[in-house]
Protein backbone atom coordinates (compact mmCIF):
# COMPACT_ATOMS: atom_id res chain seq x y z
CA MET A 1 115.93 107.23 90.85
CA THR A 2 117.32 104.01 89.63
CA ALA A 3 118.95 100.30 90.53
CA VAL A 4 123.22 101.70 90.37
CA ASN A 5 125.37 97.93 90.89
CA ARG A 6 128.07 98.29 92.65
CA ASN A 7 130.38 95.45 93.52
CA GLY A 8 127.95 92.94 93.24
CA GLN A 9 125.67 94.87 95.21
CA TRP A 10 122.62 97.07 94.72
CA PHE A 11 121.06 100.86 94.81
CA VAL A 12 118.77 103.37 94.55
CA SER A 13 120.71 106.96 93.60
CA HIS A 14 118.99 110.02 92.95
CA ASP A 15 120.96 113.70 91.69
CA GLY A 16 124.89 111.10 91.86
CA LEU A 17 123.59 110.39 95.78
CA ASP A 18 122.63 106.58 96.97
CA ILE A 19 119.95 107.29 99.03
CA ALA A 20 118.66 102.97 98.97
CA GLY A 21 120.56 100.19 99.80
CA PRO A 22 121.59 97.87 99.85
CA PHE A 23 119.41 95.75 98.09
CA PRO A 24 120.18 91.61 96.32
CA ASP A 25 119.49 92.40 92.81
CA SER A 26 118.25 94.51 90.51
CA SER A 27 114.61 93.64 91.01
CA ALA A 28 115.31 94.40 94.50
CA ALA A 29 116.21 97.79 93.95
CA TRP A 30 113.52 98.55 91.02
CA ARG A 31 110.18 97.66 93.19
CA TRP A 32 111.45 99.85 96.52
CA ILE A 33 111.75 102.51 93.33
CA ASP A 34 108.55 101.95 92.31
CA ARG A 35 107.14 101.35 96.09
CA GLN A 36 108.66 105.47 97.08
CA SER A 37 106.42 106.67 93.58
CA GLY A 38 102.72 104.81 94.64
CA ASP A 39 103.01 101.90 91.83
CA PRO A 40 101.65 99.32 92.16
CA VAL A 41 104.37 96.22 91.50
CA SER A 42 101.71 93.47 90.75
CA PRO A 43 97.85 93.24 91.27
CA ALA A 44 98.70 90.60 93.67
CA GLU A 45 100.88 92.90 95.52
CA LYS A 46 98.14 95.37 95.73
CA ARG A 47 95.57 92.62 95.84
CA ALA A 48 97.71 91.56 99.63
CA GLU A 49 98.36 95.98 100.26
CA PHE A 50 94.21 96.21 99.94
CA GLY A 51 94.26 93.20 102.20
CA PHE A 52 96.83 94.29 105.11
CA SER A 53 95.45 97.92 105.15
CA GLN A 54 91.62 96.94 105.79
CA TYR A 55 93.28 93.88 108.46
CA ALA A 56 95.65 96.65 110.07
CA LYS A 57 92.62 99.54 109.79
CA GLY A 58 90.66 97.24 113.10
CA ALA A 59 93.77 96.62 114.24
CA GLY A 60 94.32 99.33 115.68
CA LEU A 61 97.78 99.93 114.41
């Protein structure tokens, strides 16, 4: 997967096909790629996701 700029909008492309987007900037497109591959974006986001997952379990979401 890679981020591709087309006419000022960013898309995620795989094997020549757009699979996600448009995104407002390249960082948003790459963030989507990271999240799909399971990579945390930052330690702060990892903590936030853990906190939400714990909340969601308790709230029955």
